mmCIF file of all heavy atoms, coordinates in Angstrom:
data_MODEL
# 
_entry.id   MODEL 
# 
loop_
_atom_site.group_PDB 
_atom_site.id 
_atom_site.type_symbol 
_atom_site.label_atom_id 
_atom_site.label_alt_id 
_atom_site.label_comp_id 
_atom_site.label_asym_id 
_atom_site.label_entity_id 
_atom_site.label_seq_id 
_atom_site.pdbx_PDB_ins_code 
_atom_site.Cartn_x 
_atom_site.Cartn_y 
_atom_site.Cartn_z 
_atom_site.occupancy 
_atom_site.B_iso_or_equiv 
_atom_site.pdbx_formal_charge 
_atom_site.auth_seq_id 
_atom_site.auth_comp_id 
_atom_site.auth_asym_id 
_atom_site.auth_atom_id 
_atom_site.pdbx_PDB_model_num 
ATOM 1   N N   . THR A 1 1  ? 185.478 13.472 30.161 1.00 0.00 ? 1  THR A N   1 
ATOM 2   C CA  . THR A 1 1  ? 186.122 13.854 31.413 1.00 0.00 ? 1  THR A CA  1 
ATOM 3   C C   . THR A 1 1  ? 186.049 12.679 32.386 1.00 0.00 ? 1  THR A C   1 
ATOM 4   O O   . THR A 1 1  ? 185.196 11.795 32.240 1.00 0.00 ? 1  THR A O   1 
ATOM 5   C CB  . THR A 1 1  ? 185.458 15.089 32.054 1.00 0.00 ? 1  THR A CB  1 
ATOM 6   O OG1 . THR A 1 1  ? 184.093 14.784 32.347 1.00 0.00 ? 1  THR A OG1 1 
ATOM 7   C CG2 . THR A 1 1  ? 185.532 16.294 31.126 1.00 0.00 ? 1  THR A CG2 1 
ATOM 8   N N   . PHE A 1 2  ? 186.947 12.681 33.369 1.00 0.00 ? 2  PHE A N   1 
ATOM 9   C CA  . PHE A 1 2  ? 187.056 11.573 34.312 1.00 0.00 ? 2  PHE A CA  1 
ATOM 10  C C   . PHE A 1 2  ? 186.945 12.072 35.745 1.00 0.00 ? 2  PHE A C   1 
ATOM 11  O O   . PHE A 1 2  ? 187.216 13.231 36.033 1.00 0.00 ? 2  PHE A O   1 
ATOM 12  C CB  . PHE A 1 2  ? 188.410 10.866 34.139 1.00 0.00 ? 2  PHE A CB  1 
ATOM 13  C CG  . PHE A 1 2  ? 188.646 10.370 32.751 1.00 0.00 ? 2  PHE A CG  1 
ATOM 14  C CD1 . PHE A 1 2  ? 189.409 11.105 31.858 1.00 0.00 ? 2  PHE A CD1 1 
ATOM 15  C CD2 . PHE A 1 2  ? 188.104 9.175  32.325 1.00 0.00 ? 2  PHE A CD2 1 
ATOM 16  C CE1 . PHE A 1 2  ? 189.629 10.657 30.570 1.00 0.00 ? 2  PHE A CE1 1 
ATOM 17  C CE2 . PHE A 1 2  ? 188.310 8.721  31.036 1.00 0.00 ? 2  PHE A CE2 1 
ATOM 18  C CZ  . PHE A 1 2  ? 189.082 9.464  30.155 1.00 0.00 ? 2  PHE A CZ  1 
ATOM 19  N N   . ARG A 1 3  ? 186.547 11.163 36.638 1.00 0.00 ? 3  ARG A N   1 
ATOM 20  C CA  . ARG A 1 3  ? 186.539 11.436 38.075 1.00 0.00 ? 3  ARG A CA  1 
ATOM 21  C C   . ARG A 1 3  ? 187.103 10.196 38.766 1.00 0.00 ? 3  ARG A C   1 
ATOM 22  O O   . ARG A 1 3  ? 187.159 9.113  38.178 1.00 0.00 ? 3  ARG A O   1 
ATOM 23  C CB  . ARG A 1 3  ? 185.131 11.754 38.568 1.00 0.00 ? 3  ARG A CB  1 
ATOM 24  C CG  . ARG A 1 3  ? 184.177 10.585 38.542 1.00 0.00 ? 3  ARG A CG  1 
ATOM 25  C CD  . ARG A 1 3  ? 182.801 10.940 39.109 1.00 0.00 ? 3  ARG A CD  1 
ATOM 26  N NE  . ARG A 1 3  ? 181.902 9.816  39.050 1.00 0.00 ? 3  ARG A NE  1 
ATOM 27  C CZ  . ARG A 1 3  ? 181.071 9.547  38.052 1.00 0.00 ? 3  ARG A CZ  1 
ATOM 28  N NH1 . ARG A 1 3  ? 181.014 10.347 36.998 1.00 0.00 ? 3  ARG A NH1 1 
ATOM 29  N NH2 . ARG A 1 3  ? 180.287 8.488  38.097 1.00 0.00 ? 3  ARG A NH2 1 
ATOM 30  N N   . VAL A 1 4  ? 187.515 10.375 40.006 1.00 0.00 ? 4  VAL A N   1 
ATOM 31  C CA  . VAL A 1 4  ? 188.048 9.255  40.778 1.00 0.00 ? 4  VAL A CA  1 
ATOM 32  C C   . VAL A 1 4  ? 186.942 8.734  41.687 1.00 0.00 ? 4  VAL A C   1 
ATOM 33  O O   . VAL A 1 4  ? 186.323 9.491  42.422 1.00 0.00 ? 4  VAL A O   1 
ATOM 34  C CB  . VAL A 1 4  ? 189.273 9.691  41.618 1.00 0.00 ? 4  VAL A CB  1 
ATOM 35  C CG1 . VAL A 1 4  ? 189.799 8.524  42.441 1.00 0.00 ? 4  VAL A CG1 1 
ATOM 36  C CG2 . VAL A 1 4  ? 190.355 10.254 40.722 1.00 0.00 ? 4  VAL A CG2 1 
ATOM 37  N N   . GLU A 1 5  ? 186.692 7.430  41.605 1.00 0.00 ? 5  GLU A N   1 
ATOM 38  C CA  . GLU A 1 5  ? 185.719 6.753  42.475 1.00 0.00 ? 5  GLU A CA  1 
ATOM 39  C C   . GLU A 1 5  ? 186.376 5.501  43.026 1.00 0.00 ? 5  GLU A C   1 
ATOM 40  O O   . GLU A 1 5  ? 186.809 4.650  42.254 1.00 0.00 ? 5  GLU A O   1 
ATOM 41  C CB  . GLU A 1 5  ? 184.463 6.350  41.689 1.00 0.00 ? 5  GLU A CB  1 
ATOM 42  C CG  . GLU A 1 5  ? 183.432 7.398  41.537 1.00 0.00 ? 5  GLU A CG  1 
ATOM 43  C CD  . GLU A 1 5  ? 182.162 6.860  40.857 1.00 0.00 ? 5  GLU A CD  1 
ATOM 44  O OE1 . GLU A 1 5  ? 181.949 5.625  40.821 1.00 0.00 ? 5  GLU A OE1 1 
ATOM 45  O OE2 . GLU A 1 5  ? 181.410 7.685  40.354 1.00 0.00 ? 5  GLU A OE2 1 
ATOM 46  N N   . ARG A 1 6  ? 186.442 5.400  44.337 1.00 0.00 ? 6  ARG A N   1 
ATOM 47  C CA  . ARG A 1 6  ? 187.043 4.226  44.992 1.00 0.00 ? 6  ARG A CA  1 
ATOM 48  C C   . ARG A 1 6  ? 188.424 3.910  44.413 1.00 0.00 ? 6  ARG A C   1 
ATOM 49  O O   . ARG A 1 6  ? 188.766 2.756  44.176 1.00 0.00 ? 6  ARG A O   1 
ATOM 50  C CB  . ARG A 1 6  ? 186.109 3.017  44.877 1.00 0.00 ? 6  ARG A CB  1 
ATOM 51  C CG  . ARG A 1 6  ? 184.795 3.210  45.615 1.00 0.00 ? 6  ARG A CG  1 
ATOM 52  C CD  . ARG A 1 6  ? 183.883 2.002  45.501 1.00 0.00 ? 6  ARG A CD  1 
ATOM 53  N NE  . ARG A 1 6  ? 183.521 1.619  44.148 1.00 0.00 ? 6  ARG A NE  1 
ATOM 54  C CZ  . ARG A 1 6  ? 182.547 2.183  43.425 1.00 0.00 ? 6  ARG A CZ  1 
ATOM 55  N NH1 . ARG A 1 6  ? 181.831 3.157  43.948 1.00 0.00 ? 6  ARG A NH1 1 
ATOM 56  N NH2 . ARG A 1 6  ? 182.275 1.769  42.217 1.00 0.00 ? 6  ARG A NH2 1 
ATOM 57  N N   . GLY A 1 7  ? 189.209 4.953  44.132 1.00 0.00 ? 7  GLY A N   1 
ATOM 58  C CA  . GLY A 1 7  ? 190.568 4.774  43.636 1.00 0.00 ? 7  GLY A CA  1 
ATOM 59  C C   . GLY A 1 7  ? 190.681 4.415  42.168 1.00 0.00 ? 7  GLY A C   1 
ATOM 60  O O   . GLY A 1 7  ? 191.765 4.087  41.698 1.00 0.00 ? 7  GLY A O   1 
ATOM 61  N N   . GLU A 1 8  ? 189.565 4.461  41.430 1.00 0.00 ? 8  GLU A N   1 
ATOM 62  C CA  . GLU A 1 8  ? 189.586 4.119  40.011 1.00 0.00 ? 8  GLU A CA  1 
ATOM 63  C C   . GLU A 1 8  ? 189.122 5.317  39.184 1.00 0.00 ? 8  GLU A C   1 
ATOM 64  O O   . GLU A 1 8  ? 188.351 6.154  39.664 1.00 0.00 ? 8  GLU A O   1 
ATOM 65  C CB  . GLU A 1 8  ? 188.661 2.931  39.722 1.00 0.00 ? 8  GLU A CB  1 
ATOM 66  C CG  . GLU A 1 8  ? 189.082 1.656  40.423 1.00 0.00 ? 8  GLU A CG  1 
ATOM 67  C CD  . GLU A 1 8  ? 188.189 0.492  40.068 1.00 0.00 ? 8  GLU A CD  1 
ATOM 68  O OE1 . GLU A 1 8  ? 186.966 0.608  40.251 1.00 0.00 ? 8  GLU A OE1 1 
ATOM 69  O OE2 . GLU A 1 8  ? 188.723 -0.513 39.595 1.00 0.00 ? 8  GLU A OE2 1 
ATOM 70  N N   . LEU A 1 9  ? 189.592 5.372  37.935 1.00 0.00 ? 9  LEU A N   1 
ATOM 71  C CA  . LEU A 1 9  ? 189.190 6.456  37.034 1.00 0.00 ? 9  LEU A CA  1 
ATOM 72  C C   . LEU A 1 9  ? 187.925 6.054  36.287 1.00 0.00 ? 9  LEU A C   1 
ATOM 73  O O   . LEU A 1 9  ? 187.885 5.027  35.605 1.00 0.00 ? 9  LEU A O   1 
ATOM 74  C CB  . LEU A 1 9  ? 190.313 6.773  36.053 1.00 0.00 ? 9  LEU A CB  1 
ATOM 75  C CG  . LEU A 1 9  ? 191.528 7.417  36.692 1.00 0.00 ? 9  LEU A CG  1 
ATOM 76  C CD1 . LEU A 1 9  ? 192.642 7.593  35.685 1.00 0.00 ? 9  LEU A CD1 1 
ATOM 77  C CD2 . LEU A 1 9  ? 191.160 8.763  37.297 1.00 0.00 ? 9  LEU A CD2 1 
ATOM 78  N N   . VAL A 1 10 ? 186.899 6.881  36.455 1.00 0.00 ? 10 VAL A N   1 
ATOM 79  C CA  . VAL A 1 10 ? 185.579 6.607  35.896 1.00 0.00 ? 10 VAL A CA  1 
ATOM 80  C C   . VAL A 1 10 ? 185.221 7.732  34.932 1.00 0.00 ? 10 VAL A C   1 
ATOM 81  O O   . VAL A 1 10 ? 185.532 8.902  35.188 1.00 0.00 ? 10 VAL A O   1 
ATOM 82  C CB  . VAL A 1 10 ? 184.527 6.532  37.042 1.00 0.00 ? 10 VAL A CB  1 
ATOM 83  C CG1 . VAL A 1 10 ? 183.135 6.320  36.508 1.00 0.00 ? 10 VAL A CG1 1 
ATOM 84  C CG2 . VAL A 1 10 ? 184.908 5.447  38.028 1.00 0.00 ? 10 VAL A CG2 1 
ATOM 85  N N   . ILE A 1 11 ? 184.561 7.388  33.835 1.00 0.00 ? 11 ILE A N   1 
ATOM 86  C CA  . ILE A 1 11 ? 184.102 8.414  32.900 1.00 0.00 ? 11 ILE A CA  1 
ATOM 87  C C   . ILE A 1 11 ? 182.990 9.202  33.577 1.00 0.00 ? 11 ILE A C   1 
ATOM 88  O O   . ILE A 1 11 ? 181.953 8.650  33.946 1.00 0.00 ? 11 ILE A O   1 
ATOM 89  C CB  . ILE A 1 11 ? 183.610 7.802  31.585 1.00 0.00 ? 11 ILE A CB  1 
ATOM 90  C CG1 . ILE A 1 11 ? 184.778 7.126  30.867 1.00 0.00 ? 11 ILE A CG1 1 
ATOM 91  C CG2 . ILE A 1 11 ? 182.978 8.872  30.693 1.00 0.00 ? 11 ILE A CG2 1 
ATOM 92  C CD1 . ILE A 1 11 ? 184.414 6.442  29.582 1.00 0.00 ? 11 ILE A CD1 1 
ATOM 93  N N   . ALA A 1 12 ? 183.235 10.505 33.753 1.00 0.00 ? 12 ALA A N   1 
ATOM 94  C CA  . ALA A 1 12 ? 182.273 11.367 34.435 1.00 0.00 ? 12 ALA A CA  1 
ATOM 95  C C   . ALA A 1 12 ? 181.304 12.006 33.459 1.00 0.00 ? 12 ALA A C   1 
ATOM 96  O O   . ALA A 1 12 ? 180.120 12.170 33.753 1.00 0.00 ? 12 ALA A O   1 
ATOM 97  C CB  . ALA A 1 12 ? 183.009 12.463 35.208 1.00 0.00 ? 12 ALA A CB  1 
ATOM 98  N N   . ARG A 1 13 ? 181.818 12.362 32.274 1.00 0.00 ? 13 ARG A N   1 
ATOM 99  C CA  . ARG A 1 13 ? 180.981 13.087 31.325 1.00 0.00 ? 13 ARG A CA  1 
ATOM 100 C C   . ARG A 1 13 ? 181.501 12.835 29.913 1.00 0.00 ? 13 ARG A C   1 
ATOM 101 O O   . ARG A 1 13 ? 182.703 12.750 29.689 1.00 0.00 ? 13 ARG A O   1 
ATOM 102 C CB  . ARG A 1 13 ? 181.041 14.572 31.649 1.00 0.00 ? 13 ARG A CB  1 
ATOM 103 C CG  . ARG A 1 13 ? 180.097 15.432 30.886 1.00 0.00 ? 13 ARG A CG  1 
ATOM 104 C CD  . ARG A 1 13 ? 180.116 16.835 31.381 1.00 0.00 ? 13 ARG A CD  1 
ATOM 105 N NE  . ARG A 1 13 ? 181.505 17.300 31.553 1.00 0.00 ? 13 ARG A NE  1 
ATOM 106 C CZ  . ARG A 1 13 ? 181.848 18.510 31.878 1.00 0.00 ? 13 ARG A CZ  1 
ATOM 107 N NH1 . ARG A 1 13 ? 180.924 19.406 32.115 1.00 0.00 ? 13 ARG A NH1 1 
ATOM 108 N NH2 . ARG A 1 13 ? 183.105 18.849 32.005 1.00 0.00 ? 13 ARG A NH2 1 
ATOM 109 N N   . ILE A 1 14 ? 180.588 12.721 28.978 1.00 0.00 ? 14 ILE A N   1 
ATOM 110 C CA  . ILE A 1 14 ? 180.935 12.602 27.562 1.00 0.00 ? 14 ILE A CA  1 
ATOM 111 C C   . ILE A 1 14 ? 180.337 13.814 26.867 1.00 0.00 ? 14 ILE A C   1 
ATOM 112 O O   . ILE A 1 14 ? 179.123 14.037 26.930 1.00 0.00 ? 14 ILE A O   1 
ATOM 113 C CB  . ILE A 1 14 ? 180.402 11.293 26.956 1.00 0.00 ? 14 ILE A CB  1 
ATOM 114 C CG1 . ILE A 1 14 ? 181.074 10.102 27.644 1.00 0.00 ? 14 ILE A CG1 1 
ATOM 115 C CG2 . ILE A 1 14 ? 180.638 11.264 25.450 1.00 0.00 ? 14 ILE A CG2 1 
ATOM 116 C CD1 . ILE A 1 14 ? 180.545 8.756  27.231 1.00 0.00 ? 14 ILE A CD1 1 
ATOM 117 N N   . LEU A 1 15 ? 181.213 14.592 26.243 1.00 0.00 ? 15 LEU A N   1 
ATOM 118 C CA  . LEU A 1 15 ? 180.771 15.827 25.607 1.00 0.00 ? 15 LEU A CA  1 
ATOM 119 C C   . LEU A 1 15 ? 180.108 15.546 24.256 1.00 0.00 ? 15 LEU A C   1 
ATOM 120 O O   . LEU A 1 15 ? 180.669 14.822 23.427 1.00 0.00 ? 15 LEU A O   1 
ATOM 121 C CB  . LEU A 1 15 ? 181.954 16.778 25.428 1.00 0.00 ? 15 LEU A CB  1 
ATOM 122 C CG  . LEU A 1 15 ? 182.718 17.093 26.714 1.00 0.00 ? 15 LEU A CG  1 
ATOM 123 C CD1 . LEU A 1 15 ? 183.938 17.935 26.414 1.00 0.00 ? 15 LEU A CD1 1 
ATOM 124 C CD2 . LEU A 1 15 ? 181.822 17.789 27.707 1.00 0.00 ? 15 LEU A CD2 1 
ATOM 125 N N   . HIS A 1 16 ? 178.938 16.126 24.069 1.00 0.00 ? 16 HIS A N   1 
ATOM 126 C CA  . HIS A 1 16 ? 178.196 15.955 22.817 1.00 0.00 ? 16 HIS A CA  1 
ATOM 127 C C   . HIS A 1 16 ? 179.033 16.434 21.636 1.00 0.00 ? 16 HIS A C   1 
ATOM 128 O O   . HIS A 1 16 ? 179.616 17.509 21.683 1.00 0.00 ? 16 HIS A O   1 
ATOM 129 C CB  . HIS A 1 16 ? 176.877 16.736 22.891 1.00 0.00 ? 16 HIS A CB  1 
ATOM 130 C CG  . HIS A 1 16 ? 176.069 16.616 21.640 1.00 0.00 ? 16 HIS A CG  1 
ATOM 131 N ND1 . HIS A 1 16 ? 175.403 15.466 21.328 1.00 0.00 ? 16 HIS A ND1 1 
ATOM 132 C CD2 . HIS A 1 16 ? 175.848 17.490 20.627 1.00 0.00 ? 16 HIS A CD2 1 
ATOM 133 C CE1 . HIS A 1 16 ? 174.790 15.633 20.162 1.00 0.00 ? 16 HIS A CE1 1 
ATOM 134 N NE2 . HIS A 1 16 ? 175.051 16.858 19.728 1.00 0.00 ? 16 HIS A NE2 1 
ATOM 135 N N   . GLY A 1 17 ? 179.112 15.621 20.599 1.00 0.00 ? 17 GLY A N   1 
ATOM 136 C CA  . GLY A 1 17 ? 179.860 15.991 19.403 1.00 0.00 ? 17 GLY A CA  1 
ATOM 137 C C   . GLY A 1 17 ? 181.313 15.569 19.430 1.00 0.00 ? 17 GLY A C   1 
ATOM 138 O O   . GLY A 1 17 ? 181.992 15.632 18.409 1.00 0.00 ? 17 GLY A O   1 
ATOM 139 N N   . GLY A 1 18 ? 181.833 15.143 20.588 1.00 0.00 ? 18 GLY A N   1 
ATOM 140 C CA  . GLY A 1 18 ? 183.218 14.702 20.684 1.00 0.00 ? 18 GLY A CA  1 
ATOM 141 C C   . GLY A 1 18 ? 183.407 13.331 20.049 1.00 0.00 ? 18 GLY A C   1 
ATOM 142 O O   . GLY A 1 18 ? 182.442 12.634 19.715 1.00 0.00 ? 18 GLY A O   1 
ATOM 143 N N   . MET A 1 19 ? 184.656 12.928 19.893 1.00 0.00 ? 19 MET A N   1 
ATOM 144 C CA  . MET A 1 19 ? 184.967 11.657 19.252 1.00 0.00 ? 19 MET A CA  1 
ATOM 145 C C   . MET A 1 19 ? 184.319 10.473 19.981 1.00 0.00 ? 19 MET A C   1 
ATOM 146 O O   . MET A 1 19 ? 183.747 9.586  19.365 1.00 0.00 ? 19 MET A O   1 
ATOM 147 C CB  . MET A 1 19 ? 186.477 11.449 19.195 1.00 0.00 ? 19 MET A CB  1 
ATOM 148 C CG  . MET A 1 19 ? 186.862 10.120 18.549 1.00 0.00 ? 19 MET A CG  1 
ATOM 149 S SD  . MET A 1 19 ? 188.578 9.671  18.742 1.00 0.00 ? 19 MET A SD  1 
ATOM 150 C CE  . MET A 1 19 ? 189.362 11.033 17.940 1.00 0.00 ? 19 MET A CE  1 
ATOM 151 N N   . VAL A 1 20 ? 184.396 10.475 21.304 1.00 0.00 ? 20 VAL A N   1 
ATOM 152 C CA  . VAL A 1 20 ? 183.821 9.376  22.080 1.00 0.00 ? 20 VAL A CA  1 
ATOM 153 C C   . VAL A 1 20 ? 182.308 9.315  21.897 1.00 0.00 ? 20 VAL A C   1 
ATOM 154 O O   . VAL A 1 20 ? 181.732 8.237  21.733 1.00 0.00 ? 20 VAL A O   1 
ATOM 155 C CB  . VAL A 1 20 ? 184.207 9.507  23.572 1.00 0.00 ? 20 VAL A CB  1 
ATOM 156 C CG1 . VAL A 1 20 ? 183.415 8.555  24.435 1.00 0.00 ? 20 VAL A CG1 1 
ATOM 157 C CG2 . VAL A 1 20 ? 185.701 9.244  23.745 1.00 0.00 ? 20 VAL A CG2 1 
ATOM 158 N N   . ALA A 1 21 ? 181.643 10.467 21.896 1.00 0.00 ? 21 ALA A N   1 
ATOM 159 C CA  . ALA A 1 21 ? 180.190 10.491 21.694 1.00 0.00 ? 21 ALA A CA  1 
ATOM 160 C C   . ALA A 1 21 ? 179.832 9.987  20.301 1.00 0.00 ? 21 ALA A C   1 
ATOM 161 O O   . ALA A 1 21 ? 178.847 9.256  20.131 1.00 0.00 ? 21 ALA A O   1 
ATOM 162 C CB  . ALA A 1 21 ? 179.653 11.906 21.897 1.00 0.00 ? 21 ALA A CB  1 
ATOM 163 N N   . GLN A 1 22 ? 180.603 10.343 19.299 1.00 0.00 ? 22 GLN A N   1 
ATOM 164 C CA  . GLN A 1 22 ? 180.328 9.920  17.931 1.00 0.00 ? 22 GLN A CA  1 
ATOM 165 C C   . GLN A 1 22 ? 180.490 8.418  17.765 1.00 0.00 ? 22 GLN A C   1 
ATOM 166 O O   . GLN A 1 22 ? 179.720 7.775  17.068 1.00 0.00 ? 22 GLN A O   1 
ATOM 167 C CB  . GLN A 1 22 ? 181.239 10.651 16.954 1.00 0.00 ? 22 GLN A CB  1 
ATOM 168 C CG  . GLN A 1 22 ? 180.925 12.119 16.813 1.00 0.00 ? 22 GLN A CG  1 
ATOM 169 C CD  . GLN A 1 22 ? 181.946 12.847 15.948 1.00 0.00 ? 22 GLN A CD  1 
ATOM 170 O OE1 . GLN A 1 22 ? 182.868 12.253 15.405 1.00 0.00 ? 22 GLN A OE1 1 
ATOM 171 N NE2 . GLN A 1 22 ? 181.786 14.156 15.837 1.00 0.00 ? 22 GLN A NE2 1 
ATOM 172 N N   . GLN A 1 23 ? 181.504 7.848  18.424 1.00 0.00 ? 23 GLN A N   1 
ATOM 173 C CA  . GLN A 1 23 ? 181.746 6.411  18.285 1.00 0.00 ? 23 GLN A CA  1 
ATOM 174 C C   . GLN A 1 23 ? 180.778 5.576  19.118 1.00 0.00 ? 23 GLN A C   1 
ATOM 175 O O   . GLN A 1 23 ? 180.447 4.459  18.747 1.00 0.00 ? 23 GLN A O   1 
ATOM 176 C CB  . GLN A 1 23 ? 183.185 6.075  18.663 1.00 0.00 ? 23 GLN A CB  1 
ATOM 177 C CG  . GLN A 1 23 ? 184.177 6.614  17.673 1.00 0.00 ? 23 GLN A CG  1 
ATOM 178 C CD  . GLN A 1 23 ? 185.598 6.242  18.015 1.00 0.00 ? 23 GLN A CD  1 
ATOM 179 O OE1 . GLN A 1 23 ? 185.880 5.566  19.009 1.00 0.00 ? 23 GLN A OE1 1 
ATOM 180 N NE2 . GLN A 1 23 ? 186.524 6.680  17.184 1.00 0.00 ? 23 GLN A NE2 1 
ATOM 181 N N   . GLY A 1 24 ? 180.337 6.103  20.258 1.00 0.00 ? 24 GLY A N   1 
ATOM 182 C CA  . GLY A 1 24 ? 179.362 5.396  21.086 1.00 0.00 ? 24 GLY A CA  1 
ATOM 183 C C   . GLY A 1 24 ? 179.884 4.146  21.764 1.00 0.00 ? 24 GLY A C   1 
ATOM 184 O O   . GLY A 1 24 ? 179.097 3.296  22.164 1.00 0.00 ? 24 GLY A O   1 
ATOM 185 N N   . LEU A 1 25 ? 181.199 4.016  21.917 1.00 0.00 ? 25 LEU A N   1 
ATOM 186 C CA  . LEU A 1 25 ? 181.770 2.802  22.510 1.00 0.00 ? 25 LEU A CA  1 
ATOM 187 C C   . LEU A 1 25 ? 181.996 2.913  24.008 1.00 0.00 ? 25 LEU A C   1 
ATOM 188 O O   . LEU A 1 25 ? 182.131 1.904  24.691 1.00 0.00 ? 25 LEU A O   1 
ATOM 189 C CB  . LEU A 1 25 ? 183.107 2.477  21.824 1.00 0.00 ? 25 LEU A CB  1 
ATOM 190 C CG  . LEU A 1 25 ? 183.017 2.192  20.328 1.00 0.00 ? 25 LEU A CG  1 
ATOM 191 C CD1 . LEU A 1 25 ? 184.416 2.051  19.739 1.00 0.00 ? 25 LEU A CD1 1 
ATOM 192 C CD2 . LEU A 1 25 ? 182.187 0.946  20.072 1.00 0.00 ? 25 LEU A CD2 1 
ATOM 193 N N   . LEU A 1 26 ? 182.070 4.139  24.516 1.00 0.00 ? 26 LEU A N   1 
ATOM 194 C CA  . LEU A 1 26 ? 182.271 4.362  25.946 1.00 0.00 ? 26 LEU A CA  1 
ATOM 195 C C   . LEU A 1 26 ? 181.044 5.047  26.520 1.00 0.00 ? 26 LEU A C   1 
ATOM 196 O O   . LEU A 1 26 ? 180.331 5.752  25.807 1.00 0.00 ? 26 LEU A O   1 
ATOM 197 C CB  . LEU A 1 26 ? 183.509 5.228  26.180 1.00 0.00 ? 26 LEU A CB  1 
ATOM 198 C CG  . LEU A 1 26 ? 184.839 4.649  25.689 1.00 0.00 ? 26 LEU A CG  1 
ATOM 199 C CD1 . LEU A 1 26 ? 185.950 5.672  25.818 1.00 0.00 ? 26 LEU A CD1 1 
ATOM 200 C CD2 . LEU A 1 26 ? 185.179 3.382  26.445 1.00 0.00 ? 26 LEU A CD2 1 
ATOM 201 N N   . HIS A 1 27 ? 180.817 4.845  27.817 1.00 0.00 ? 27 HIS A N   1 
ATOM 202 C CA  . HIS A 1 27 ? 179.621 5.385  28.464 1.00 0.00 ? 27 HIS A CA  1 
ATOM 203 C C   . HIS A 1 27 ? 179.981 5.974  29.824 1.00 0.00 ? 27 HIS A C   1 
ATOM 204 O O   . HIS A 1 27 ? 180.957 5.546  30.453 1.00 0.00 ? 27 HIS A O   1 
ATOM 205 C CB  . HIS A 1 27 ? 178.562 4.294  28.625 1.00 0.00 ? 27 HIS A CB  1 
ATOM 206 C CG  . HIS A 1 27 ? 178.247 3.610  27.335 1.00 0.00 ? 27 HIS A CG  1 
ATOM 207 N ND1 . HIS A 1 27 ? 177.445 4.176  26.372 1.00 0.00 ? 27 HIS A ND1 1 
ATOM 208 C CD2 . HIS A 1 27 ? 178.662 2.419  26.834 1.00 0.00 ? 27 HIS A CD2 1 
ATOM 209 C CE1 . HIS A 1 27 ? 177.370 3.354  25.343 1.00 0.00 ? 27 HIS A CE1 1 
ATOM 210 N NE2 . HIS A 1 27 ? 178.095 2.283  25.587 1.00 0.00 ? 27 HIS A NE2 1 
ATOM 211 N N   . VAL A 1 28 ? 179.183 6.909  30.267 1.00 0.00 ? 28 VAL A N   1 
ATOM 212 C CA  . VAL A 1 28 ? 179.367 7.481  31.596 1.00 0.00 ? 28 VAL A CA  1 
ATOM 213 C C   . VAL A 1 28 ? 179.289 6.348  32.616 1.00 0.00 ? 28 VAL A C   1 
ATOM 214 O O   . VAL A 1 28 ? 178.405 5.494  32.553 1.00 0.00 ? 28 VAL A O   1 
ATOM 215 C CB  . VAL A 1 28 ? 178.300 8.560  31.885 1.00 0.00 ? 28 VAL A CB  1 
ATOM 216 C CG1 . VAL A 1 28 ? 178.349 8.996  33.337 1.00 0.00 ? 28 VAL A CG1 1 
ATOM 217 C CG2 . VAL A 1 28 ? 178.482 9.748  30.955 1.00 0.00 ? 28 VAL A CG2 1 
ATOM 218 N N   . GLY A 1 29 ? 180.243 6.334  33.535 1.00 0.00 ? 29 GLY A N   1 
ATOM 219 C CA  . GLY A 1 29 ? 180.289 5.286  34.554 1.00 0.00 ? 29 GLY A CA  1 
ATOM 220 C C   . GLY A 1 29 ? 181.274 4.171  34.236 1.00 0.00 ? 29 GLY A C   1 
ATOM 221 O O   . GLY A 1 29 ? 181.625 3.389  35.125 1.00 0.00 ? 29 GLY A O   1 
ATOM 222 N N   . ASP A 1 30 ? 181.737 4.059  32.974 1.00 0.00 ? 30 ASP A N   1 
ATOM 223 C CA  . ASP A 1 30 ? 182.733 3.047  32.631 1.00 0.00 ? 30 ASP A CA  1 
ATOM 224 C C   . ASP A 1 30 ? 184.030 3.357  33.371 1.00 0.00 ? 30 ASP A C   1 
ATOM 225 O O   . ASP A 1 30 ? 184.430 4.509  33.488 1.00 0.00 ? 30 ASP A O   1 
ATOM 226 C CB  . ASP A 1 30 ? 183.023 3.028  31.130 1.00 0.00 ? 30 ASP A CB  1 
ATOM 227 C CG  . ASP A 1 30 ? 181.867 2.475  30.298 1.00 0.00 ? 30 ASP A CG  1 
ATOM 228 O OD1 . ASP A 1 30 ? 180.915 1.935  30.886 1.00 0.00 ? 30 ASP A OD1 1 
ATOM 229 O OD2 . ASP A 1 30 ? 181.942 2.585  29.062 1.00 0.00 ? 30 ASP A OD2 1 
ATOM 230 N N   . VAL A 1 31 ? 184.693 2.320  33.868 1.00 0.00 ? 31 VAL A N   1 
ATOM 231 C CA  . VAL A 1 31 ? 185.972 2.464  34.563 1.00 0.00 ? 31 VAL A CA  1 
ATOM 232 C C   . VAL A 1 31 ? 187.088 2.197  33.561 1.00 0.00 ? 31 VAL A C   1 
ATOM 233 O O   . VAL A 1 31 ? 187.084 1.179  32.873 1.00 0.00 ? 31 VAL A O   1 
ATOM 234 C CB  . VAL A 1 31 ? 186.079 1.470  35.743 1.00 0.00 ? 31 VAL A CB  1 
ATOM 235 C CG1 . VAL A 1 31 ? 187.433 1.563  36.411 1.00 0.00 ? 31 VAL A CG1 1 
ATOM 236 C CG2 . VAL A 1 31 ? 184.960 1.707  36.744 1.00 0.00 ? 31 VAL A CG2 1 
# 
């Protein structure tokens, strides 16, 4: 999921078991 911070889209949450969590390439806070 994403949130808007200072006009940019930031990763707000990574759901356990989802594709992004399995790959481990993205992290909470990444823009």
